[in-house]
N, C-alpha and C. Protein backbone atom coordinates (compact mmCIF):
# COMPACT_ATOMS: atom_id res chain seq x y z
N MET A 1 9.39 11.89 12.99
CA MET A 1 8.61 12.38 11.87
C MET A 1 7.95 11.26 11.06
N PRO A 2 8.66 10.16 10.76
CA PRO A 2 7.97 9.06 10.05
C PRO A 2 6.75 8.55 10.79
N VAL A 3 6.83 8.47 12.12
CA VAL A 3 5.70 7.98 12.91
C VAL A 3 4.53 8.95 12.84
N LEU A 4 4.81 10.24 12.94
CA LEU A 4 3.74 11.24 12.85
C LEU A 4 3.08 11.22 11.49
N VAL A 5 3.89 11.14 10.44
CA VAL A 5 3.34 11.11 9.09
C VAL A 5 2.56 9.83 8.85
N GLY A 6 3.11 8.70 9.29
CA GLY A 6 2.42 7.43 9.10
C GLY A 6 1.10 7.37 9.86
N THR A 7 1.08 7.92 11.06
CA THR A 7 -0.16 7.96 11.83
C THR A 7 -1.17 8.87 11.16
N ALA A 8 -0.71 10.01 10.64
CA ALA A 8 -1.61 10.93 9.94
C ALA A 8 -2.23 10.27 8.72
N CYS A 9 -1.48 9.38 8.07
CA CYS A 9 -2.00 8.68 6.88
C CYS A 9 -3.16 7.74 7.23
N ALA A 10 -3.27 7.38 8.50
CA ALA A 10 -4.35 6.50 8.93
C ALA A 10 -5.63 7.25 9.27
N VAL A 11 -5.51 8.58 9.42
CA VAL A 11 -6.69 9.39 9.74
C VAL A 11 -7.69 9.30 8.58
N GLY A 12 -8.93 9.01 8.91
CA GLY A 12 -9.95 8.84 7.89
C GLY A 12 -10.11 7.40 7.45
N GLU A 13 -9.06 6.59 7.67
CA GLU A 13 -9.14 5.16 7.33
C GLU A 13 -9.72 4.36 8.50
N THR A 14 -9.41 4.80 9.72
CA THR A 14 -9.85 4.10 10.92
C THR A 14 -9.77 5.06 12.09
N LYS A 15 -10.33 4.66 13.21
CA LYS A 15 -10.20 5.47 14.42
C LYS A 15 -8.80 5.28 14.98
N ILE A 16 -8.09 6.37 15.22
CA ILE A 16 -6.72 6.29 15.71
C ILE A 16 -6.68 5.75 17.14
N VAL A 17 -5.88 4.73 17.34
CA VAL A 17 -5.66 4.18 18.67
C VAL A 17 -4.38 4.82 19.19
N TRP A 18 -4.51 5.75 20.10
CA TRP A 18 -3.39 6.60 20.46
C TRP A 18 -2.27 5.87 21.17
N TRP A 19 -2.58 4.84 21.95
CA TRP A 19 -1.50 4.12 22.63
C TRP A 19 -0.62 3.43 21.60
N ARG A 20 -1.20 3.00 20.47
CA ARG A 20 -0.39 2.38 19.41
C ARG A 20 0.54 3.40 18.76
N ALA A 21 0.03 4.61 18.56
CA ALA A 21 0.86 5.67 17.99
C ALA A 21 2.03 5.99 18.92
N ILE A 22 1.73 6.05 20.23
CA ILE A 22 2.79 6.34 21.20
C ILE A 22 3.80 5.20 21.25
N ALA A 23 3.31 3.96 21.21
CA ALA A 23 4.22 2.81 21.22
C ALA A 23 5.11 2.81 19.99
N ALA A 24 4.52 3.15 18.83
CA ALA A 24 5.31 3.22 17.59
C ALA A 24 6.37 4.32 17.70
N LEU A 25 6.01 5.44 18.32
CA LEU A 25 6.95 6.53 18.51
C LEU A 25 8.09 6.12 19.44
N VAL A 26 7.74 5.45 20.53
CA VAL A 26 8.77 4.98 21.47
C VAL A 26 9.72 4.00 20.77
N ALA A 27 9.16 3.07 20.00
CA ALA A 27 9.98 2.09 19.29
C ALA A 27 10.91 2.77 18.29
N ALA A 28 10.38 3.74 17.54
CA ALA A 28 11.18 4.41 16.52
C ALA A 28 12.31 5.22 17.14
N VAL A 29 11.98 5.98 18.20
CA VAL A 29 13.01 6.80 18.86
C VAL A 29 14.07 5.90 19.51
N ALA A 30 13.64 4.83 20.14
CA ALA A 30 14.58 3.92 20.80
C ALA A 30 15.50 3.24 19.79
N ILE A 31 14.97 2.89 18.64
CA ILE A 31 15.81 2.29 17.59
C ILE A 31 16.82 3.32 17.09
N GLN A 32 16.38 4.57 16.91
CA GLN A 32 17.30 5.63 16.48
C GLN A 32 18.41 5.84 17.51
N VAL A 33 18.03 5.91 18.78
CA VAL A 33 19.02 6.10 19.84
C VAL A 33 19.97 4.90 19.91
N GLY A 34 19.40 3.71 19.84
CA GLY A 34 20.22 2.51 19.89
C GLY A 34 21.19 2.43 18.72
N THR A 35 20.73 2.82 17.55
CA THR A 35 21.59 2.81 16.36
C THR A 35 22.74 3.79 16.52
N ASN A 36 22.46 4.97 17.09
CA ASN A 36 23.51 5.97 17.31
C ASN A 36 24.56 5.46 18.30
N TYR A 37 24.10 4.83 19.38
CA TYR A 37 25.04 4.27 20.34
C TYR A 37 25.86 3.13 19.71
N ALA A 38 25.18 2.29 18.94
CA ALA A 38 25.86 1.17 18.29
C ALA A 38 26.90 1.68 17.30
N ASN A 39 26.55 2.74 16.58
CA ASN A 39 27.48 3.35 15.63
C ASN A 39 28.69 3.92 16.36
N ASP A 40 28.43 4.61 17.47
CA ASP A 40 29.52 5.18 18.27
C ASP A 40 30.44 4.07 18.78
N TYR A 41 29.84 3.01 19.29
CA TYR A 41 30.61 1.88 19.82
C TYR A 41 31.47 1.23 18.75
N SER A 42 30.85 0.86 17.62
CA SER A 42 31.56 0.12 16.57
C SER A 42 32.64 0.97 15.89
N ASP A 43 32.29 2.23 15.57
CA ASP A 43 33.28 3.11 14.95
C ASP A 43 34.44 3.38 15.90
N GLY A 44 34.12 3.54 17.19
CA GLY A 44 35.18 3.77 18.17
C GLY A 44 36.12 2.60 18.29
N LYS A 45 35.55 1.39 18.31
CA LYS A 45 36.37 0.19 18.41
C LYS A 45 37.24 -0.01 17.18
N ARG A 46 36.73 0.37 16.01
CA ARG A 46 37.48 0.21 14.76
C ARG A 46 38.52 1.31 14.56
N GLY A 47 38.45 2.37 15.35
CA GLY A 47 39.38 3.46 15.19
C GLY A 47 38.96 4.50 14.17
N THR A 48 37.73 4.37 13.68
CA THR A 48 37.22 5.32 12.69
C THR A 48 37.03 6.71 13.27
N ASP A 49 36.71 6.76 14.56
CA ASP A 49 36.45 8.05 15.22
C ASP A 49 37.68 8.63 15.90
N ASP A 50 38.84 8.36 15.36
CA ASP A 50 40.08 8.91 15.90
C ASP A 50 39.97 10.44 15.93
N PRO A 51 40.04 11.06 17.11
CA PRO A 51 39.86 12.52 17.20
C PRO A 51 40.89 13.31 16.41
N SER A 52 42.01 12.70 16.07
CA SER A 52 43.02 13.41 15.28
C SER A 52 42.63 13.51 13.81
N LYS A 53 41.62 12.70 13.40
CA LYS A 53 41.17 12.70 12.01
C LYS A 53 39.77 13.27 11.85
N ARG A 54 38.90 12.97 12.80
CA ARG A 54 37.48 13.32 12.65
C ARG A 54 37.26 14.82 12.82
N VAL A 55 36.35 15.38 11.97
CA VAL A 55 36.03 16.80 12.04
C VAL A 55 34.61 17.02 12.56
N GLY A 56 33.87 15.95 12.78
CA GLY A 56 32.48 16.08 13.22
C GLY A 56 32.35 16.21 14.72
N PRO A 57 31.14 15.99 15.24
CA PRO A 57 30.89 16.12 16.68
C PRO A 57 31.71 15.13 17.50
N VAL A 58 31.83 15.42 18.77
CA VAL A 58 32.54 14.53 19.70
C VAL A 58 31.82 13.19 19.79
N ARG A 59 32.59 12.11 19.85
CA ARG A 59 32.03 10.77 19.98
C ARG A 59 32.50 10.16 21.30
N LEU A 60 31.67 9.35 21.92
CA LEU A 60 31.94 8.84 23.25
C LEU A 60 33.16 7.92 23.30
N VAL A 61 33.14 6.87 22.48
CA VAL A 61 34.22 5.90 22.53
C VAL A 61 35.50 6.45 21.91
N GLY A 62 35.36 7.09 20.75
CA GLY A 62 36.53 7.61 20.05
C GLY A 62 37.29 8.64 20.85
N TRP A 63 36.58 9.44 21.64
CA TRP A 63 37.21 10.48 22.44
C TRP A 63 37.57 9.98 23.85
N GLY A 64 37.22 8.75 24.14
CA GLY A 64 37.52 8.21 25.47
C GLY A 64 36.65 8.77 26.57
N LEU A 65 35.45 9.26 26.21
CA LEU A 65 34.55 9.86 27.19
C LEU A 65 33.70 8.82 27.91
N ALA A 66 33.61 7.62 27.35
CA ALA A 66 32.86 6.53 27.98
C ALA A 66 33.51 5.22 27.60
N ALA A 67 33.40 4.25 28.48
CA ALA A 67 33.96 2.93 28.20
C ALA A 67 33.17 2.26 27.08
N PRO A 68 33.84 1.56 26.17
CA PRO A 68 33.14 0.89 25.08
C PRO A 68 32.00 0.00 25.53
N ASN A 69 32.23 -0.77 26.59
CA ASN A 69 31.18 -1.67 27.08
C ASN A 69 29.96 -0.91 27.58
N ALA A 70 30.17 0.27 28.16
CA ALA A 70 29.05 1.08 28.64
C ALA A 70 28.22 1.58 27.46
N VAL A 71 28.88 1.99 26.40
CA VAL A 71 28.16 2.46 25.20
C VAL A 71 27.43 1.29 24.55
N ARG A 72 28.06 0.14 24.54
CA ARG A 72 27.42 -1.07 23.99
C ARG A 72 26.17 -1.41 24.78
N ARG A 73 26.26 -1.34 26.11
CA ARG A 73 25.09 -1.62 26.95
C ARG A 73 23.98 -0.60 26.69
N ALA A 74 24.36 0.66 26.48
CA ALA A 74 23.36 1.68 26.18
C ALA A 74 22.63 1.37 24.88
N ALA A 75 23.38 0.90 23.88
CA ALA A 75 22.77 0.52 22.61
C ALA A 75 21.79 -0.63 22.80
N LEU A 76 22.24 -1.66 23.49
CA LEU A 76 21.38 -2.83 23.70
C LEU A 76 20.16 -2.49 24.56
N SER A 77 20.35 -1.62 25.55
CA SER A 77 19.22 -1.20 26.38
C SER A 77 18.18 -0.46 25.57
N SER A 78 18.62 0.37 24.65
CA SER A 78 17.71 1.10 23.78
C SER A 78 16.92 0.14 22.89
N PHE A 79 17.60 -0.87 22.37
CA PHE A 79 16.92 -1.86 21.54
C PHE A 79 15.91 -2.66 22.36
N VAL A 80 16.21 -2.90 23.63
CA VAL A 80 15.26 -3.61 24.50
C VAL A 80 14.00 -2.77 24.67
N VAL A 81 14.17 -1.46 24.91
CA VAL A 81 13.00 -0.57 25.05
C VAL A 81 12.16 -0.63 23.78
N ALA A 82 12.83 -0.55 22.63
CA ALA A 82 12.12 -0.62 21.35
C ALA A 82 11.42 -1.97 21.21
N GLY A 83 12.10 -3.02 21.67
CA GLY A 83 11.51 -4.35 21.56
C GLY A 83 10.25 -4.52 22.39
N VAL A 84 10.24 -3.95 23.59
CA VAL A 84 9.05 -4.02 24.45
C VAL A 84 7.87 -3.30 23.79
N ALA A 85 8.14 -2.09 23.28
CA ALA A 85 7.08 -1.33 22.62
C ALA A 85 6.61 -2.06 21.37
N GLY A 86 7.55 -2.59 20.61
CA GLY A 86 7.19 -3.31 19.39
C GLY A 86 6.42 -4.59 19.67
N LEU A 87 6.79 -5.29 20.75
CA LEU A 87 6.09 -6.52 21.09
C LEU A 87 4.64 -6.24 21.46
N ALA A 88 4.40 -5.13 22.16
CA ALA A 88 3.03 -4.75 22.51
C ALA A 88 2.21 -4.52 21.24
N LEU A 89 2.83 -3.90 20.24
CA LEU A 89 2.14 -3.66 18.97
C LEU A 89 1.91 -4.97 18.22
N ALA A 90 2.87 -5.87 18.29
CA ALA A 90 2.73 -7.16 17.60
C ALA A 90 1.58 -7.96 18.20
N VAL A 91 1.46 -7.94 19.52
CA VAL A 91 0.37 -8.66 20.19
C VAL A 91 -0.98 -8.07 19.80
N ALA A 92 -1.05 -6.74 19.71
CA ALA A 92 -2.32 -6.08 19.42
C ALA A 92 -2.69 -6.08 17.95
N VAL A 93 -1.69 -6.09 17.08
CA VAL A 93 -1.97 -5.90 15.65
C VAL A 93 -1.63 -7.12 14.81
N ASP A 94 -0.36 -7.50 14.78
CA ASP A 94 0.07 -8.57 13.88
C ASP A 94 1.45 -9.06 14.33
N TRP A 95 1.59 -10.38 14.47
CA TRP A 95 2.87 -10.94 14.91
C TRP A 95 3.97 -10.76 13.88
N LYS A 96 3.61 -10.43 12.64
CA LYS A 96 4.64 -10.18 11.62
C LYS A 96 5.49 -8.97 12.00
N LEU A 97 4.97 -8.11 12.86
CA LEU A 97 5.73 -6.93 13.29
C LEU A 97 6.99 -7.32 14.06
N VAL A 98 7.00 -8.53 14.63
CA VAL A 98 8.21 -9.00 15.31
C VAL A 98 9.34 -9.14 14.30
N LEU A 99 9.03 -9.64 13.11
CA LEU A 99 10.04 -9.78 12.07
C LEU A 99 10.54 -8.41 11.61
N VAL A 100 9.61 -7.46 11.49
CA VAL A 100 9.99 -6.10 11.10
C VAL A 100 10.91 -5.49 12.15
N GLY A 101 10.57 -5.68 13.41
CA GLY A 101 11.40 -5.17 14.49
C GLY A 101 12.78 -5.80 14.50
N GLY A 102 12.82 -7.12 14.31
CA GLY A 102 14.11 -7.81 14.28
C GLY A 102 15.00 -7.31 13.16
N ALA A 103 14.39 -7.09 11.99
CA ALA A 103 15.15 -6.56 10.85
C ALA A 103 15.65 -5.16 11.14
N SER A 104 14.85 -4.36 11.83
CA SER A 104 15.25 -2.99 12.18
C SER A 104 16.43 -3.00 13.15
N PHE A 105 16.38 -3.90 14.15
CA PHE A 105 17.49 -4.00 15.10
C PHE A 105 18.77 -4.41 14.37
N ALA A 106 18.64 -5.39 13.49
CA ALA A 106 19.81 -5.87 12.75
C ALA A 106 20.40 -4.76 11.88
N ALA A 107 19.52 -4.00 11.23
CA ALA A 107 19.98 -2.90 10.37
C ALA A 107 20.69 -1.84 11.20
N GLY A 108 20.18 -1.57 12.40
CA GLY A 108 20.79 -0.57 13.27
C GLY A 108 22.16 -1.00 13.74
N TRP A 109 22.30 -2.26 14.11
CA TRP A 109 23.58 -2.74 14.65
C TRP A 109 24.62 -2.95 13.55
N LEU A 110 24.19 -3.50 12.43
CA LEU A 110 25.13 -3.88 11.38
C LEU A 110 25.53 -2.73 10.47
N TYR A 111 24.99 -1.53 10.74
CA TYR A 111 25.41 -0.37 9.95
C TYR A 111 26.92 -0.17 10.05
N THR A 112 27.43 -0.19 11.26
CA THR A 112 28.89 -0.11 11.44
C THR A 112 29.42 -1.27 12.26
N GLY A 113 28.55 -2.18 12.70
CA GLY A 113 28.97 -3.31 13.52
C GLY A 113 29.03 -4.60 12.73
N GLY A 114 29.49 -5.64 13.39
CA GLY A 114 29.60 -6.93 12.74
C GLY A 114 30.86 -7.05 11.89
N PRO A 115 31.08 -8.24 11.33
CA PRO A 115 32.31 -8.47 10.54
C PRO A 115 32.34 -7.69 9.23
N LYS A 116 31.18 -7.44 8.64
CA LYS A 116 31.12 -6.73 7.35
C LYS A 116 30.04 -5.65 7.40
N PRO A 117 30.30 -4.54 8.09
CA PRO A 117 29.29 -3.48 8.22
C PRO A 117 28.93 -2.87 6.86
N TYR A 118 27.62 -2.79 6.59
CA TYR A 118 27.21 -2.29 5.28
C TYR A 118 27.48 -0.80 5.11
N GLY A 119 27.59 -0.06 6.22
CA GLY A 119 27.90 1.36 6.13
C GLY A 119 29.31 1.61 5.61
N TYR A 120 30.17 0.61 5.69
CA TYR A 120 31.56 0.75 5.25
C TYR A 120 31.73 0.42 3.77
N VAL A 121 30.68 -0.01 3.12
CA VAL A 121 30.77 -0.34 1.69
C VAL A 121 29.80 0.50 0.85
N GLY A 122 29.27 1.58 1.43
CA GLY A 122 28.44 2.51 0.67
C GLY A 122 26.97 2.18 0.58
N LEU A 123 26.46 1.32 1.49
CA LEU A 123 25.05 0.93 1.44
C LEU A 123 24.21 1.61 2.52
N GLY A 124 24.81 2.50 3.28
CA GLY A 124 24.07 3.15 4.36
C GLY A 124 22.85 3.89 3.88
N GLU A 125 22.95 4.59 2.77
CA GLU A 125 21.83 5.38 2.26
C GLU A 125 20.65 4.50 1.89
N VAL A 126 20.92 3.33 1.33
CA VAL A 126 19.84 2.41 0.95
C VAL A 126 19.06 1.97 2.19
N PHE A 127 19.78 1.58 3.23
CA PHE A 127 19.12 1.09 4.43
C PHE A 127 18.38 2.20 5.18
N VAL A 128 18.93 3.40 5.18
CA VAL A 128 18.25 4.53 5.82
C VAL A 128 16.95 4.82 5.11
N PHE A 129 16.98 4.83 3.78
CA PHE A 129 15.75 5.08 3.02
C PHE A 129 14.69 4.02 3.32
N VAL A 130 15.12 2.76 3.36
CA VAL A 130 14.17 1.67 3.59
C VAL A 130 13.60 1.70 5.01
N PHE A 131 14.48 1.80 6.02
CA PHE A 131 14.01 1.64 7.40
C PHE A 131 13.50 2.93 8.02
N PHE A 132 14.17 4.06 7.79
CA PHE A 132 13.71 5.31 8.38
C PHE A 132 12.67 6.01 7.49
N GLY A 133 12.53 5.53 6.26
CA GLY A 133 11.53 6.06 5.37
C GLY A 133 10.35 5.12 5.23
N LEU A 134 10.53 4.05 4.46
CA LEU A 134 9.44 3.14 4.14
C LEU A 134 8.92 2.39 5.37
N VAL A 135 9.81 1.71 6.08
CA VAL A 135 9.36 0.86 7.19
C VAL A 135 8.72 1.67 8.31
N ALA A 136 9.38 2.76 8.72
CA ALA A 136 8.86 3.55 9.85
C ALA A 136 7.54 4.22 9.51
N THR A 137 7.42 4.76 8.31
CA THR A 137 6.20 5.47 7.92
C THR A 137 5.05 4.50 7.65
N VAL A 138 5.30 3.54 6.77
CA VAL A 138 4.25 2.57 6.43
C VAL A 138 3.88 1.74 7.66
N GLY A 139 4.88 1.40 8.47
CA GLY A 139 4.60 0.63 9.68
C GLY A 139 3.71 1.36 10.66
N SER A 140 3.88 2.69 10.74
CA SER A 140 3.06 3.48 11.67
C SER A 140 1.61 3.54 11.21
N THR A 141 1.41 3.49 9.90
CA THR A 141 0.05 3.40 9.38
C THR A 141 -0.51 2.00 9.63
N TYR A 142 0.33 1.00 9.43
CA TYR A 142 -0.09 -0.39 9.56
C TYR A 142 -0.58 -0.71 10.96
N VAL A 143 0.07 -0.17 11.98
CA VAL A 143 -0.34 -0.49 13.35
C VAL A 143 -1.71 0.11 13.66
N GLN A 144 -2.16 1.05 12.85
CA GLN A 144 -3.50 1.62 13.03
C GLN A 144 -4.54 0.91 12.17
N THR A 145 -4.19 0.66 10.91
CA THR A 145 -5.17 0.12 9.95
C THR A 145 -5.08 -1.37 9.72
N GLY A 146 -3.91 -1.95 10.04
CA GLY A 146 -3.72 -3.37 9.77
C GLY A 146 -3.47 -3.67 8.32
N SER A 147 -3.17 -2.64 7.53
CA SER A 147 -2.92 -2.83 6.10
C SER A 147 -1.90 -1.81 5.59
N VAL A 148 -1.29 -2.12 4.46
CA VAL A 148 -0.37 -1.20 3.80
C VAL A 148 -1.17 -0.38 2.80
N THR A 149 -1.23 0.92 2.99
CA THR A 149 -2.03 1.77 2.12
C THR A 149 -1.16 2.50 1.11
N ALA A 150 -1.77 2.84 -0.02
CA ALA A 150 -1.05 3.57 -1.06
C ALA A 150 -0.60 4.94 -0.55
N LEU A 151 -1.43 5.57 0.27
CA LEU A 151 -1.07 6.89 0.80
C LEU A 151 0.17 6.81 1.68
N SER A 152 0.25 5.78 2.52
CA SER A 152 1.40 5.66 3.42
C SER A 152 2.68 5.40 2.63
N VAL A 153 2.58 4.61 1.58
CA VAL A 153 3.76 4.35 0.75
C VAL A 153 4.20 5.63 0.04
N GLY A 154 3.22 6.36 -0.50
CA GLY A 154 3.55 7.62 -1.17
C GLY A 154 4.16 8.64 -0.22
N ALA A 155 3.65 8.69 1.01
CA ALA A 155 4.18 9.63 2.00
C ALA A 155 5.55 9.19 2.50
N ALA A 156 5.80 7.88 2.49
CA ALA A 156 7.07 7.36 3.00
C ALA A 156 8.25 7.72 2.11
N ILE A 157 7.99 7.91 0.81
CA ILE A 157 9.09 8.18 -0.11
C ILE A 157 9.78 9.51 0.19
N PRO A 158 9.05 10.65 0.28
CA PRO A 158 9.75 11.89 0.63
C PRO A 158 10.37 11.86 2.02
N ILE A 159 9.73 11.16 2.97
CA ILE A 159 10.32 11.02 4.30
C ILE A 159 11.66 10.29 4.20
N GLY A 160 11.67 9.22 3.42
CA GLY A 160 12.90 8.46 3.23
C GLY A 160 13.99 9.27 2.55
N LEU A 161 13.60 10.10 1.58
CA LEU A 161 14.58 10.94 0.89
C LEU A 161 15.20 11.96 1.84
N LEU A 162 14.37 12.53 2.73
CA LEU A 162 14.89 13.51 3.69
C LEU A 162 15.82 12.84 4.71
N ALA A 163 15.43 11.65 5.17
CA ALA A 163 16.28 10.92 6.12
C ALA A 163 17.61 10.56 5.48
N THR A 164 17.55 10.16 4.22
CA THR A 164 18.78 9.83 3.49
C THR A 164 19.66 11.06 3.32
N ALA A 165 19.03 12.21 3.06
CA ALA A 165 19.78 13.45 2.89
C ALA A 165 20.57 13.79 4.15
N LEU A 166 20.00 13.49 5.32
CA LEU A 166 20.71 13.75 6.58
C LEU A 166 21.99 12.91 6.67
N LEU A 167 21.89 11.64 6.26
CA LEU A 167 23.07 10.79 6.28
C LEU A 167 24.10 11.27 5.25
N VAL A 168 23.62 11.66 4.08
CA VAL A 168 24.52 12.11 3.02
C VAL A 168 25.32 13.33 3.45
N VAL A 169 24.65 14.30 4.09
CA VAL A 169 25.37 15.52 4.46
C VAL A 169 26.36 15.23 5.59
N ASN A 170 26.06 14.28 6.47
CA ASN A 170 27.02 13.88 7.50
C ASN A 170 28.23 13.20 6.88
N ASN A 171 27.96 12.31 5.91
CA ASN A 171 29.05 11.61 5.25
C ASN A 171 29.88 12.54 4.37
N LEU A 172 29.24 13.56 3.83
CA LEU A 172 29.97 14.57 3.06
C LEU A 172 31.02 15.25 3.95
N ARG A 173 30.61 15.62 5.15
CA ARG A 173 31.51 16.24 6.12
C ARG A 173 32.69 15.33 6.44
N ASP A 174 32.44 14.01 6.47
CA ASP A 174 33.44 13.06 6.95
C ASP A 174 34.22 12.38 5.84
N ILE A 175 34.13 12.86 4.61
CA ILE A 175 34.80 12.19 3.49
C ILE A 175 36.28 11.96 3.76
N ALA A 176 36.98 13.00 4.16
CA ALA A 176 38.43 12.89 4.35
C ALA A 176 38.79 11.89 5.44
N SER A 177 38.15 12.02 6.62
CA SER A 177 38.48 11.13 7.74
C SER A 177 38.03 9.70 7.47
N ASP A 178 36.87 9.53 6.83
CA ASP A 178 36.39 8.18 6.52
C ASP A 178 37.32 7.50 5.52
N ALA A 179 37.77 8.24 4.53
CA ALA A 179 38.69 7.66 3.53
C ALA A 179 39.98 7.20 4.19
N GLN A 180 40.50 7.99 5.13
CA GLN A 180 41.72 7.61 5.84
C GLN A 180 41.51 6.37 6.71
N SER A 181 40.29 6.21 7.22
CA SER A 181 40.01 5.11 8.14
C SER A 181 39.54 3.85 7.42
N GLY A 182 39.40 3.92 6.11
CA GLY A 182 38.94 2.75 5.37
C GLY A 182 37.44 2.57 5.38
N LYS A 183 36.70 3.61 5.74
CA LYS A 183 35.25 3.56 5.73
C LYS A 183 34.77 4.11 4.39
N HIS A 184 34.46 3.21 3.46
CA HIS A 184 34.14 3.60 2.09
C HIS A 184 32.64 3.87 1.94
N THR A 185 32.19 4.96 2.52
CA THR A 185 30.80 5.36 2.39
C THR A 185 30.51 5.74 0.95
N LEU A 186 29.24 5.92 0.65
CA LEU A 186 28.88 6.34 -0.71
C LEU A 186 29.50 7.70 -1.03
N ALA A 187 29.59 8.57 -0.03
CA ALA A 187 30.20 9.88 -0.23
C ALA A 187 31.68 9.74 -0.59
N VAL A 188 32.37 8.83 0.07
CA VAL A 188 33.78 8.59 -0.25
C VAL A 188 33.90 8.07 -1.68
N ARG A 189 33.01 7.19 -2.06
CA ARG A 189 33.06 6.61 -3.40
C ARG A 189 32.72 7.64 -4.49
N LEU A 190 31.78 8.52 -4.20
CA LEU A 190 31.36 9.50 -5.20
C LEU A 190 32.28 10.71 -5.25
N GLY A 191 32.85 11.07 -4.11
CA GLY A 191 33.66 12.28 -4.04
C GLY A 191 32.80 13.47 -3.62
N ASP A 192 33.48 14.57 -3.28
CA ASP A 192 32.82 15.75 -2.74
C ASP A 192 31.76 16.32 -3.68
N HIS A 193 32.12 16.58 -4.94
CA HIS A 193 31.22 17.28 -5.86
C HIS A 193 29.95 16.47 -6.13
N ARG A 194 30.11 15.20 -6.47
CA ARG A 194 28.93 14.38 -6.79
C ARG A 194 28.07 14.11 -5.56
N THR A 195 28.70 14.06 -4.39
CA THR A 195 27.91 13.90 -3.16
C THR A 195 27.04 15.12 -2.93
N ARG A 196 27.56 16.31 -3.19
CA ARG A 196 26.77 17.54 -3.05
C ARG A 196 25.59 17.54 -4.02
N ILE A 197 25.81 17.05 -5.22
CA ILE A 197 24.73 16.96 -6.20
C ILE A 197 23.66 15.99 -5.71
N MET A 198 24.09 14.85 -5.19
CA MET A 198 23.14 13.86 -4.67
C MET A 198 22.32 14.45 -3.53
N TYR A 199 22.97 15.19 -2.65
CA TYR A 199 22.26 15.80 -1.52
C TYR A 199 21.17 16.74 -2.01
N VAL A 200 21.49 17.58 -2.99
CA VAL A 200 20.49 18.51 -3.53
C VAL A 200 19.36 17.74 -4.20
N LEU A 201 19.69 16.69 -4.94
CA LEU A 201 18.66 15.91 -5.63
C LEU A 201 17.71 15.23 -4.64
N LEU A 202 18.24 14.78 -3.52
CA LEU A 202 17.38 14.16 -2.50
C LEU A 202 16.39 15.18 -1.94
N LEU A 203 16.86 16.38 -1.64
CA LEU A 203 15.98 17.43 -1.11
C LEU A 203 14.94 17.84 -2.14
N VAL A 204 15.40 18.04 -3.37
CA VAL A 204 14.46 18.44 -4.44
C VAL A 204 13.46 17.33 -4.69
N GLY A 205 13.93 16.08 -4.66
CA GLY A 205 13.03 14.94 -4.89
C GLY A 205 11.94 14.87 -3.84
N ALA A 206 12.29 15.11 -2.59
CA ALA A 206 11.30 15.07 -1.52
C ALA A 206 10.25 16.17 -1.69
N VAL A 207 10.70 17.37 -1.98
CA VAL A 207 9.78 18.49 -2.14
C VAL A 207 8.97 18.35 -3.42
N ARG A 208 9.60 17.89 -4.47
CA ARG A 208 8.92 17.74 -5.76
C ARG A 208 7.77 16.77 -5.68
N ARG A 209 7.96 15.64 -5.03
CA ARG A 209 6.88 14.66 -4.91
C ARG A 209 5.71 15.25 -4.14
N TRP A 210 6.00 15.97 -3.08
CA TRP A 210 4.94 16.58 -2.27
C TRP A 210 4.20 17.64 -3.07
N ALA A 211 4.93 18.51 -3.76
CA ALA A 211 4.31 19.59 -4.52
C ALA A 211 3.42 19.04 -5.63
N THR A 212 3.89 17.99 -6.29
CA THR A 212 3.12 17.40 -7.39
C THR A 212 1.81 16.82 -6.88
N ARG A 213 1.87 16.08 -5.77
CA ARG A 213 0.66 15.49 -5.21
C ARG A 213 -0.29 16.57 -4.70
N HIS A 214 0.25 17.60 -4.06
CA HIS A 214 -0.57 18.68 -3.55
C HIS A 214 -1.31 19.39 -4.67
N ASP A 215 -0.59 19.65 -5.77
CA ASP A 215 -1.20 20.32 -6.91
C ASP A 215 -2.30 19.47 -7.52
N ARG A 216 -2.08 18.17 -7.57
CA ARG A 216 -3.07 17.28 -8.17
C ARG A 216 -4.34 17.26 -7.35
N GLU A 217 -4.19 17.23 -6.04
CA GLU A 217 -5.38 17.21 -5.17
C GLU A 217 -6.11 18.55 -5.22
N ALA A 218 -5.36 19.64 -5.34
CA ALA A 218 -5.98 20.96 -5.42
C ALA A 218 -6.80 21.10 -6.69
């Protein structure tokens, strides 16, 4: 969705180069897939996905459905696919996109991986808003126009709020098991009631920004 919205923001600014839009979509989906595999791998290795505690969907490593190294390879393979697509865009548009891609890979892996995963200290929502909202949306416009536009930034905010809401509702479900496993997500820190309030505010914030802009243009 961020790629579609970001590409739409470029309409009227320049002629859309469709292979760039497709490459951006491939990179975004591959990063999402890679992040999910990396999360499964790291949480499984840490014991966070213990099936006796977790109430969410089945996980590969935690449930013993796949070897940890196989899941790790799947994560890295997904990042390689994203890297190839991103490199093509960097060559065609701007080499600074390599830095953006590198930061995206790091954010995906370090969410639950590495010595100090930021997802375990309540910063997951911040990074989701930045990378799945601002970076993905504005970046998709940038690969078409070569510039950061006000429209793409404005459109990225509600996209980021919706992406963050998805993480919040997942973490709400996992409050009990995460607390037992030492995973101090923002939901664990806020508690059930305040997390529900935050979730509603994120949804209302996304819709409110869109409605306000729509009314102004009308």
